[in-house]
Amino acid sequence: MEPAVEAVFEALQAFMLHQVYRNPIAKSEEEKVPLLMETLYRHYCSHVEQLPPLMMRIAEREGVQRAVTDYIAGMTDHFAVNTFEALYIPKFWKV
């Protein structure tokens, strides 16, 4: 790496370490992640028809577990939480 690029890279690493990886707010939410991932995994293994078309093709060729794993692995944090909410958190409605 060129020295200027290396300096910026190191600054980014330091920022990410402090603001993301060791952030107390993020750390306090960390223990919820395994349940969220496991719930999504079980849901899509049981409801393969809800996978996107590309993942359905992977499920046919390589198996459901591979397709579901790939689908969840490709989710951003926000998308995973929003998907969980859409599947499992009741919506409010007005009468």
PDB file of N, CA and C in Angstrom:
ATOM      1  N   MET A   1       0.831  -1.175   0.000  1.00  0.00           N
ATOM      2  CA  MET A   1       0.000   0.000   0.000  1.00  0.00           C
ATOM      3  C   MET A   1       0.880   1.243   0.000  1.00  0.00           C
ATOM      4  N   GLU A   2       0.429   2.208  -0.719  1.00  0.00           N
ATOM      5  CA  GLU A   2       1.126   3.496  -0.672  1.00  0.00           C
ATOM      6  C   GLU A   2       0.929   4.097   0.723  1.00  0.00           C
ATOM      7  N   PRO A   3       1.902   4.854   1.199  1.00  0.00           N
ATOM      8  CA  PRO A   3       1.800   5.410   2.566  1.00  0.00           C
ATOM      9  C   PRO A   3       0.517   6.207   2.820  1.00  0.00           C
ATOM     10  N   ALA A   4       0.088   7.003   1.873  1.00  0.00           N
ATOM     11  CA  ALA A   4      -1.132   7.802   2.073  1.00  0.00           C
ATOM     12  C   ALA A   4      -2.361   6.899   2.196  1.00  0.00           C
ATOM     13  N   VAL A   5      -2.421   5.873   1.362  1.00  0.00           N
ATOM     14  CA  VAL A   5      -3.538   4.932   1.406  1.00  0.00           C
ATOM     15  C   VAL A   5      -3.493   4.130   2.702  1.00  0.00           C
ATOM     16  N   GLU A   6      -2.302   3.717   3.096  1.00  0.00           N
ATOM     17  CA  GLU A   6      -2.159   2.959   4.340  1.00  0.00           C
ATOM     18  C   GLU A   6      -2.617   3.785   5.542  1.00  0.00           C
ATOM     19  N   ALA A   7      -2.284   5.073   5.558  1.00  0.00           N
ATOM     20  CA  ALA A   7      -2.686   5.948   6.667  1.00  0.00           C
ATOM     21  C   ALA A   7      -4.206   6.055   6.744  1.00  0.00           C
ATOM     22  N   VAL A   8      -4.847   6.214   5.610  1.00  0.00           N
ATOM     23  CA  VAL A   8      -6.312   6.296   5.583  1.00  0.00           C
ATOM     24  C   VAL A   8      -6.922   4.963   6.006  1.00  0.00           C
ATOM     25  N   PHE A   9      -6.351   3.870   5.528  1.00  0.00           N
ATOM     26  CA  PHE A   9      -6.828   2.533   5.895  1.00  0.00           C
ATOM     27  C   PHE A   9      -6.726   2.318   7.410  1.00  0.00           C
ATOM     28  N   GLU A  10      -5.617   2.691   8.001  1.00  0.00           N
ATOM     29  CA  GLU A  10      -5.435   2.539   9.443  1.00  0.00           C
ATOM     30  C   GLU A  10      -6.405   3.422  10.217  1.00  0.00           C
ATOM     31  N   ALA A  11      -6.667   4.623   9.709  1.00  0.00           N
ATOM     32  CA  ALA A  11      -7.640   5.506  10.358  1.00  0.00           C
ATOM     33  C   ALA A  11      -9.038   4.900  10.301  1.00  0.00           C
ATOM     34  N   LEU A  12      -9.372   4.304   9.171  1.00  0.00           N
ATOM     35  CA  LEU A  12     -10.668   3.638   9.029  1.00  0.00           C
ATOM     36  C   LEU A  12     -10.772   2.453   9.983  1.00  0.00           C
ATOM     37  N   GLN A  13      -9.733   1.671  10.080  1.00  0.00           N
ATOM     38  CA  GLN A  13      -9.720   0.531  11.005  1.00  0.00           C
ATOM     39  C   GLN A  13      -9.928   0.991  12.442  1.00  0.00           C
ATOM     40  N   ALA A  14      -9.255   2.043  12.833  1.00  0.00           N
ATOM     41  CA  ALA A  14      -9.385   2.568  14.197  1.00  0.00           C
ATOM     42  C   ALA A  14     -10.803   3.071  14.442  1.00  0.00           C
ATOM     43  N   PHE A  15     -11.354   3.763  13.473  1.00  0.00           N
ATOM     44  CA  PHE A  15     -12.727   4.247  13.583  1.00  0.00           C
ATOM     45  C   PHE A  15     -13.692   3.081  13.736  1.00  0.00           C
ATOM     46  N   MET A  16     -13.579   2.078  12.873  1.00  0.00           N
ATOM     47  CA  MET A  16     -14.482   0.920  12.923  1.00  0.00           C
ATOM     48  C   MET A  16     -14.351   0.183  14.252  1.00  0.00           C
ATOM     49  N   LEU A  17     -13.151   0.027  14.738  1.00  0.00           N
ATOM     50  CA  LEU A  17     -12.930  -0.662  16.004  1.00  0.00           C
ATOM     51  C   LEU A  17     -13.638   0.077  17.137  1.00  0.00           C
ATOM     52  N   HIS A  18     -13.471   1.383  17.191  1.00  0.00           N
ATOM     53  CA  HIS A  18     -14.044   2.178  18.278  1.00  0.00           C
ATOM     54  C   HIS A  18     -15.549   2.383  18.117  1.00  0.00           C
ATOM     55  N   GLN A  19     -15.987   2.755  16.928  1.00  0.00           N
ATOM     56  CA  GLN A  19     -17.384   3.140  16.715  1.00  0.00           C
ATOM     57  C   GLN A  19     -18.321   1.971  16.425  1.00  0.00           C
ATOM     58  N   VAL A  20     -17.790   0.868  15.911  1.00  0.00           N
ATOM     59  CA  VAL A  20     -18.660  -0.242  15.525  1.00  0.00           C
ATOM     60  C   VAL A  20     -18.388  -1.483  16.377  1.00  0.00           C
ATOM     61  N   TYR A  21     -17.209  -2.036  16.286  1.00  0.00           N
ATOM     62  CA  TYR A  21     -16.922  -3.326  16.908  1.00  0.00           C
ATOM     63  C   TYR A  21     -16.924  -3.284  18.431  1.00  0.00           C
ATOM     64  N   ARG A  22     -16.523  -2.169  19.024  1.00  0.00           N
ATOM     65  CA  ARG A  22     -16.499  -2.061  20.487  1.00  0.00           C
ATOM     66  C   ARG A  22     -17.527  -1.070  21.017  1.00  0.00           C
ATOM     67  N   ASN A  23     -18.426  -0.631  20.174  1.00  0.00           N
ATOM     68  CA  ASN A  23     -19.446   0.319  20.567  1.00  0.00           C
ATOM     69  C   ASN A  23     -20.366  -0.315  21.611  1.00  0.00           C
ATOM     70  N   PRO A  24     -20.521   0.314  22.778  1.00  0.00           N
ATOM     71  CA  PRO A  24     -21.317  -0.300  23.845  1.00  0.00           C
ATOM     72  C   PRO A  24     -22.780  -0.523  23.463  1.00  0.00           C
ATOM     73  N   ILE A  25     -23.331   0.347  22.645  1.00  0.00           N
ATOM     74  CA  ILE A  25     -24.721   0.155  22.220  1.00  0.00           C
ATOM     75  C   ILE A  25     -24.825  -1.084  21.333  1.00  0.00           C
ATOM     76  N   ALA A  26     -23.907  -1.200  20.377  1.00  0.00           N
ATOM     77  CA  ALA A  26     -23.905  -2.375  19.502  1.00  0.00           C
ATOM     78  C   ALA A  26     -23.640  -3.649  20.298  1.00  0.00           C
ATOM     79  N   LYS A  27     -22.706  -3.586  21.214  1.00  0.00           N
ATOM     80  CA  LYS A  27     -22.369  -4.770  22.025  1.00  0.00           C
ATOM     81  C   LYS A  27     -23.566  -5.222  22.850  1.00  0.00           C
ATOM     82  N   SER A  28     -24.376  -4.273  23.330  1.00  0.00           N
ATOM     83  CA  SER A  28     -25.529  -4.643  24.146  1.00  0.00           C
ATOM     84  C   SER A  28     -26.597  -5.363  23.342  1.00  0.00           C
ATOM     85  N   GLU A  29     -26.603  -5.197  22.034  1.00  0.00           N
ATOM     86  CA  GLU A  29     -27.571  -5.855  21.160  1.00  0.00           C
ATOM     87  C   GLU A  29     -27.056  -7.188  20.607  1.00  0.00           C
ATOM     88  N   GLU A  30     -25.769  -7.414  20.760  1.00  0.00           N
ATOM     89  CA  GLU A  30     -25.095  -8.557  20.150  1.00  0.00           C
ATOM     90  C   GLU A  30     -25.705  -9.904  20.529  1.00  0.00           C
ATOM     91  N   GLU A  31     -26.134 -10.050  21.767  1.00  0.00           N
ATOM     92  CA  GLU A  31     -26.643 -11.345  22.226  1.00  0.00           C
ATOM     93  C   GLU A  31     -27.971 -11.722  21.568  1.00  0.00           C
ATOM     94  N   LYS A  32     -28.643 -10.772  20.943  1.00  0.00           N
ATOM     95  CA  LYS A  32     -29.915 -11.049  20.271  1.00  0.00           C
ATOM     96  C   LYS A  32     -29.728 -11.665  18.887  1.00  0.00           C
ATOM     97  N   VAL A  33     -28.561 -11.502  18.328  1.00  0.00           N
ATOM     98  CA  VAL A  33     -28.319 -11.905  16.942  1.00  0.00           C
ATOM     99  C   VAL A  33     -28.470 -13.406  16.707  1.00  0.00           C
ATOM    100  N   PRO A  34     -27.923 -14.277  17.549  1.00  0.00           N
ATOM    101  CA  PRO A  34     -28.078 -15.712  17.272  1.00  0.00           C
ATOM    102  C   PRO A  34     -29.540 -16.155  17.179  1.00  0.00           C
ATOM    103  N   LEU A  35     -30.398 -15.634  18.044  1.00  0.00           N
ATOM    104  CA  LEU A  35     -31.816 -16.002  17.990  1.00  0.00           C
ATOM    105  C   LEU A  35     -32.443 -15.510  16.694  1.00  0.00           C
ATOM    106  N   LEU A  36     -32.106 -14.289  16.289  1.00  0.00           N
ATOM    107  CA  LEU A  36     -32.636 -13.751  15.044  1.00  0.00           C
ATOM    108  C   LEU A  36     -32.207 -14.615  13.861  1.00  0.00           C
ATOM    109  N   MET A  37     -30.926 -14.947  13.785  1.00  0.00           N
ATOM    110  CA  MET A  37     -30.419 -15.758  12.669  1.00  0.00           C
ATOM    111  C   MET A  37     -31.043 -17.162  12.669  1.00  0.00           C
ATOM    112  N   GLU A  38     -31.116 -17.773  13.835  1.00  0.00           N
ATOM    113  CA  GLU A  38     -31.693 -19.114  13.925  1.00  0.00           C
ATOM    114  C   GLU A  38     -33.171 -19.101  13.530  1.00  0.00           C
ATOM    115  N   THR A  39     -33.881 -18.076  13.953  1.00  0.00           N
ATOM    116  CA  THR A  39     -35.301 -17.974  13.618  1.00  0.00           C
ATOM    117  C   THR A  39     -35.498 -17.804  12.117  1.00  0.00           C
ATOM    118  N   LEU A  40     -34.717 -16.929  11.509  1.00  0.00           N
ATOM    119  CA  LEU A  40     -34.810 -16.759  10.054  1.00  0.00           C
ATOM    120  C   LEU A  40     -34.443 -18.044   9.327  1.00  0.00           C
ATOM    121  N   TYR A  41     -33.400 -18.716   9.785  1.00  0.00           N
ATOM    122  CA  TYR A  41     -32.961 -19.962   9.158  1.00  0.00           C
ATOM    123  C   TYR A  41     -34.079 -21.009   9.215  1.00  0.00           C
ATOM    124  N   ARG A  42     -34.644 -21.205  10.377  1.00  0.00           N
ATOM    125  CA  ARG A  42     -35.717 -22.206  10.517  1.00  0.00           C
ATOM    126  C   ARG A  42     -36.936 -21.825   9.682  1.00  0.00           C
ATOM    127  N   HIS A  43     -37.238 -20.533   9.667  1.00  0.00           N
ATOM    128  CA  HIS A  43     -38.398 -20.084   8.893  1.00  0.00           C
ATOM    129  C   HIS A  43     -38.229 -20.431   7.415  1.00  0.00           C
ATOM    130  N   TYR A  44     -37.098 -20.032   6.840  1.00  0.00           N
ATOM    131  CA  TYR A  44     -36.918 -20.247   5.410  1.00  0.00           C
ATOM    132  C   TYR A  44     -36.698 -21.710   5.057  1.00  0.00           C
ATOM    133  N   CYS A  45     -36.140 -22.494   5.960  1.00  0.00           N
ATOM    134  CA  CYS A  45     -36.036 -23.938   5.704  1.00  0.00           C
ATOM    135  C   CYS A  45     -37.423 -24.568   5.654  1.00  0.00           C
ATOM    136  N   SER A  46     -38.349 -24.030   6.439  1.00  0.00           N
ATOM    137  CA  SER A  46     -39.711 -24.554   6.469  1.00  0.00           C
ATOM    138  C   SER A  46     -40.624 -23.913   5.423  1.00  0.00           C
ATOM    139  N   HIS A  47     -40.208 -22.777   4.886  1.00  0.00           N
ATOM    140  CA  HIS A  47     -41.014 -22.045   3.902  1.00  0.00           C
ATOM    141  C   HIS A  47     -40.144 -21.682   2.695  1.00  0.00           C
ATOM    142  N   VAL A  48     -39.613 -22.676   2.070  1.00  0.00           N
ATOM    143  CA  VAL A  48     -38.685 -22.483   0.944  1.00  0.00           C
ATOM    144  C   VAL A  48     -39.325 -21.640  -0.155  1.00  0.00           C
ATOM    145  N   GLU A  49     -40.626 -21.759  -0.309  1.00  0.00           N
ATOM    146  CA  GLU A  49     -41.333 -21.033  -1.364  1.00  0.00           C
ATOM    147  C   GLU A  49     -41.256 -19.517  -1.176  1.00  0.00           C
ATOM    148  N   GLN A  50     -40.862 -19.060   0.004  1.00  0.00           N
ATOM    149  CA  GLN A  50     -40.746 -17.622   0.263  1.00  0.00           C
ATOM    150  C   GLN A  50     -39.368 -17.067  -0.098  1.00  0.00           C
ATOM    151  N   LEU A  51     -38.456 -17.925  -0.486  1.00  0.00           N
ATOM    152  CA  LEU A  51     -37.133 -17.463  -0.913  1.00  0.00           C
ATOM    153  C   LEU A  51     -37.235 -16.750  -2.258  1.00  0.00           C
ATOM    154  N   PRO A  52     -36.338 -15.822  -2.521  1.00  0.00           N
ATOM    155  CA  PRO A  52     -36.299 -15.190  -3.848  1.00  0.00           C
ATOM    156  C   PRO A  52     -35.993 -16.236  -4.932  1.00  0.00           C
ATOM    157  N   PRO A  53     -36.348 -15.940  -6.177  1.00  0.00           N
ATOM    158  CA  PRO A  53     -36.165 -16.909  -7.266  1.00  0.00           C
ATOM    159  C   PRO A  53     -34.742 -17.476  -7.379  1.00  0.00           C
ATOM    160  N   LEU A  54     -33.732 -16.635  -7.247  1.00  0.00           N
ATOM    161  CA  LEU A  54     -32.357 -17.128  -7.341  1.00  0.00           C
ATOM    162  C   LEU A  54     -32.086 -18.164  -6.263  1.00  0.00           C
ATOM    163  N   MET A  55     -32.542 -17.894  -5.052  1.00  0.00           N
ATOM    164  CA  MET A  55     -32.326 -18.830  -3.946  1.00  0.00           C
ATOM    165  C   MET A  55     -33.138 -20.109  -4.142  1.00  0.00           C
ATOM    166  N   MET A  56     -34.289 -20.002  -4.776  1.00  0.00           N
ATOM    167  CA  MET A  56     -35.084 -21.202  -5.088  1.00  0.00           C
ATOM    168  C   MET A  56     -34.308 -22.108  -6.052  1.00  0.00           C
ATOM    169  N   ARG A  57     -33.645 -21.503  -7.032  1.00  0.00           N
ATOM    170  CA  ARG A  57     -32.849 -22.305  -7.970  1.00  0.00           C
ATOM    171  C   ARG A  57     -31.675 -22.966  -7.259  1.00  0.00           C
ATOM    172  N   ILE A  58     -31.043 -22.237  -6.347  1.00  0.00           N
ATOM    173  CA  ILE A  58     -29.943 -22.822  -5.567  1.00  0.00           C
ATOM    174  C   ILE A  58     -30.474 -23.962  -4.712  1.00  0.00           C
ATOM    175  N   ALA A  59     -31.647 -23.783  -4.127  1.00  0.00           N
ATOM    176  CA  ALA A  59     -32.250 -24.847  -3.311  1.00  0.00           C
ATOM    177  C   ALA A  59     -32.478 -26.099  -4.136  1.00  0.00           C
ATOM    178  N   GLU A  60     -32.915 -25.942  -5.373  1.00  0.00           N
ATOM    179  CA  GLU A  60     -33.151 -27.090  -6.251  1.00  0.00           C
ATOM    180  C   GLU A  60     -31.848 -27.794  -6.621  1.00  0.00           C
ATOM    181  N   ARG A  61     -30.801 -27.010  -6.858  1.00  0.00           N
ATOM    182  CA  ARG A  61     -29.523 -27.583  -7.292  1.00  0.00           C
ATOM    183  C   ARG A  61     -28.662 -28.073  -6.130  1.00  0.00           C
ATOM    184  N   GLU A  62     -28.605 -27.292  -5.041  1.00  0.00           N
ATOM    185  CA  GLU A  62     -27.638 -27.569  -3.974  1.00  0.00           C
ATOM    186  C   GLU A  62     -28.263 -27.888  -2.626  1.00  0.00           C
ATOM    187  N   GLY A  63     -29.577 -27.806  -2.550  1.00  0.00           N
ATOM    188  CA  GLY A  63     -30.257 -28.116  -1.300  1.00  0.00           C
ATOM    189  C   GLY A  63     -30.778 -26.879  -0.590  1.00  0.00           C
ATOM    190  N   VAL A  64     -31.820 -27.101   0.183  1.00  0.00           N
ATOM    191  CA  VAL A  64     -32.487 -26.013   0.895  1.00  0.00           C
ATOM    192  C   VAL A  64     -31.556 -25.356   1.902  1.00  0.00           C
ATOM    193  N   GLN A  65     -30.831 -26.155   2.669  1.00  0.00           N
ATOM    194  CA  GLN A  65     -29.963 -25.587   3.699  1.00  0.00           C
ATOM    195  C   GLN A  65     -28.919 -24.646   3.102  1.00  0.00           C
ATOM    196  N   ARG A  66     -28.338 -25.024   1.962  1.00  0.00           N
ATOM    197  CA  ARG A  66     -27.351 -24.164   1.300  1.00  0.00           C
ATOM    198  C   ARG A  66     -28.001 -22.865   0.854  1.00  0.00           C
ATOM    199  N   ALA A  67     -29.181 -22.956   0.234  1.00  0.00           N
ATOM    200  CA  ALA A  67     -29.861 -21.763  -0.271  1.00  0.00           C
ATOM    201  C   ALA A  67     -30.234 -20.824   0.869  1.00  0.00           C
ATOM    202  N   VAL A  68     -30.762 -21.370   1.949  1.00  0.00           N
ATOM    203  CA  VAL A  68     -31.163 -20.544   3.085  1.00  0.00           C
ATOM    204  C   VAL A  68     -29.941 -19.893   3.730  1.00  0.00           C
ATOM    205  N   THR A  69     -28.886 -20.662   3.881  1.00  0.00           N
ATOM    206  CA  THR A  69     -27.645 -20.118   4.450  1.00  0.00           C
ATOM    207  C   THR A  69     -27.117 -18.982   3.585  1.00  0.00           C
ATOM    208  N   ASP A  70     -27.077 -19.186   2.281  1.00  0.00           N
ATOM    209  CA  ASP A  70     -26.600 -18.137   1.371  1.00  0.00           C
ATOM    210  C   ASP A  70     -27.491 -16.900   1.438  1.00  0.00           C
ATOM    211  N   TYR A  71     -28.803 -17.108   1.500  1.00  0.00           N
ATOM    212  CA  TYR A  71     -29.737 -15.986   1.548  1.00  0.00           C
ATOM    213  C   TYR A  71     -29.511 -15.150   2.807  1.00  0.00           C
ATOM    214  N   ILE A  72     -29.442 -15.806   3.942  1.00  0.00           N
ATOM    215  CA  ILE A  72     -29.260 -15.084   5.200  1.00  0.00           C
ATOM    216  C   ILE A  72     -27.872 -14.432   5.255  1.00  0.00           C
ATOM    217  N   ALA A  73     -26.861 -15.115   4.755  1.00  0.00           N
ATOM    218  CA  ALA A  73     -25.508 -14.566   4.757  1.00  0.00           C
ATOM    219  C   ALA A  73     -25.423 -13.279   3.923  1.00  0.00           C
ATOM    220  N   GLY A  74     -26.269 -13.161   2.918  1.00  0.00           N
ATOM    221  CA  GLY A  74     -26.260 -11.980   2.062  1.00  0.00           C
ATOM    222  C   GLY A  74     -27.083 -10.816   2.588  1.00  0.00           C
ATOM    223  N   MET A  75     -27.783 -11.031   3.704  1.00  0.00           N
ATOM    224  CA  MET A  75     -28.623  -9.965   4.263  1.00  0.00           C
ATOM    225  C   MET A  75     -27.776  -8.925   4.988  1.00  0.00           C
ATOM    226  N   THR A  76     -28.145  -7.670   4.839  1.00  0.00           N
ATOM    227  CA  THR A  76     -27.566  -6.635   5.692  1.00  0.00           C
ATOM    228  C   THR A  76     -28.227  -6.745   7.065  1.00  0.00           C
ATOM    229  N   ASP A  77     -27.647  -6.089   8.047  1.00  0.00           N
ATOM    230  CA  ASP A  77     -28.239  -6.098   9.382  1.00  0.00           C
ATOM    231  C   ASP A  77     -29.669  -5.563   9.345  1.00  0.00           C
ATOM    232  N   HIS A  78     -29.848  -4.442   8.684  1.00  0.00           N
ATOM    233  CA  HIS A  78     -31.174  -3.816   8.629  1.00  0.00           C
ATOM    234  C   HIS A  78     -32.181  -4.721   7.931  1.00  0.00           C
ATOM    235  N   PHE A  79     -31.779  -5.327   6.838  1.00  0.00           N
ATOM    236  CA  PHE A  79     -32.692  -6.201   6.105  1.00  0.00           C
ATOM    237  C   PHE A  79     -33.080  -7.408   6.951  1.00  0.00           C
ATOM    238  N   ALA A  80     -32.124  -7.994   7.664  1.00  0.00           N
ATOM    239  CA  ALA A  80     -32.413  -9.152   8.515  1.00  0.00           C
ATOM    240  C   ALA A  80     -33.405  -8.767   9.612  1.00  0.00           C
ATOM    241  N   VAL A  81     -33.184  -7.639  10.270  1.00  0.00           N
ATOM    242  CA  VAL A  81     -34.095  -7.206  11.333  1.00  0.00           C
ATOM    243  C   VAL A  81     -35.467  -6.885  10.757  1.00  0.00           C
ATOM    244  N   ASN A  82     -35.515  -6.179   9.632  1.00  0.00           N
ATOM    245  CA  ASN A  82     -36.799  -5.857   9.001  1.00  0.00           C
ATOM    246  C   ASN A  82     -37.542  -7.118   8.569  1.00  0.00           C
ATOM    247  N   THR A  83     -36.817  -8.100   8.058  1.00  0.00           N
ATOM    248  CA  THR A  83     -37.431  -9.364   7.654  1.00  0.00           C
ATOM    249  C   THR A  83     -37.996 -10.090   8.866  1.00  0.00           C
ATOM    250  N   PHE A  84     -37.221 -10.145   9.938  1.00  0.00           N
ATOM    251  CA  PHE A  84     -37.696 -10.760  11.176  1.00  0.00           C
ATOM    252  C   PHE A  84     -38.965 -10.066  11.659  1.00  0.00           C
ATOM    253  N   GLU A  85     -38.939  -8.741  11.676  1.00  0.00           N
ATOM    254  CA  GLU A  85     -40.113  -7.981  12.119  1.00  0.00           C
ATOM    255  C   GLU A  85     -41.324  -8.278  11.240  1.00  0.00           C
ATOM    256  N   ALA A  86     -41.122  -8.304   9.932  1.00  0.00           N
ATOM    257  CA  ALA A  86     -42.228  -8.570   9.015  1.00  0.00           C
ATOM    258  C   ALA A  86     -42.815  -9.964   9.230  1.00  0.00           C
ATOM    259  N   LEU A  87     -41.964 -10.925   9.561  1.00  0.00           N
ATOM    260  CA  LEU A  87     -42.427 -12.301   9.740  1.00  0.00           C
ATOM    261  C   LEU A  87     -43.045 -12.555  11.109  1.00  0.00           C
ATOM    262  N   TYR A  88     -42.528 -11.907  12.160  1.00  0.00           N
ATOM    263  CA  TYR A  88     -42.881 -12.321  13.514  1.00  0.00           C
ATOM    264  C   TYR A  88     -43.450 -11.261  14.444  1.00  0.00           C
ATOM    265  N   ILE A  89     -43.349 -10.002  14.100  1.00  0.00           N
ATOM    266  CA  ILE A  89     -43.853  -8.963  14.984  1.00  0.00           C
ATOM    267  C   ILE A  89     -45.226  -8.508  14.484  1.00  0.00           C
ATOM    268  N   PRO A  90     -46.255  -8.620  15.333  1.00  0.00           N
ATOM    269  CA  PRO A  90     -47.595  -8.210  14.905  1.00  0.00           C
ATOM    270  C   PRO A  90     -47.636  -6.725  14.529  1.00  0.00           C
ATOM    271  N   LYS A  91     -48.453  -6.435  13.548  1.00  0.00           N
ATOM    272  CA  LYS A  91     -48.639  -5.053  13.098  1.00  0.00           C
ATOM    273  C   LYS A  91     -49.821  -4.445  13.844  1.00  0.00           C
ATOM    274  N   PHE A  92     -49.779  -3.140  14.047  1.00  0.00           N
ATOM    275  CA  PHE A  92     -50.915  -2.433  14.626  1.00  0.00           C
ATOM    276  C   PHE A  92     -51.873  -2.050  13.520  1.00  0.00           C
ATOM    277  N   TRP A  93     -53.135  -1.988  13.836  1.00  0.00           N
ATOM    278  CA  TRP A  93     -54.116  -1.583  12.867  1.00  0.00           C
ATOM    279  C   TRP A  93     -55.179  -0.738  13.555  1.00  0.00           C
ATOM    280  N   LYS A  94     -55.903   0.024  12.749  1.00  0.00           N
ATOM    281  CA  LYS A  94     -56.970   0.862  13.283  1.00  0.00           C
ATOM    282  C   LYS A  94     -58.297   0.262  12.857  1.00  0.00           C
ATOM    283  N   VAL A  95     -59.259   0.341  13.758  1.00  0.00           N
ATOM    284  CA  VAL A  95     -60.597  -0.173  13.456  1.00  0.00           C
ATOM    285  C   VAL A  95     -61.481   0.968  13.019  1.00  0.00           C
TER     286      VAL A  95
END
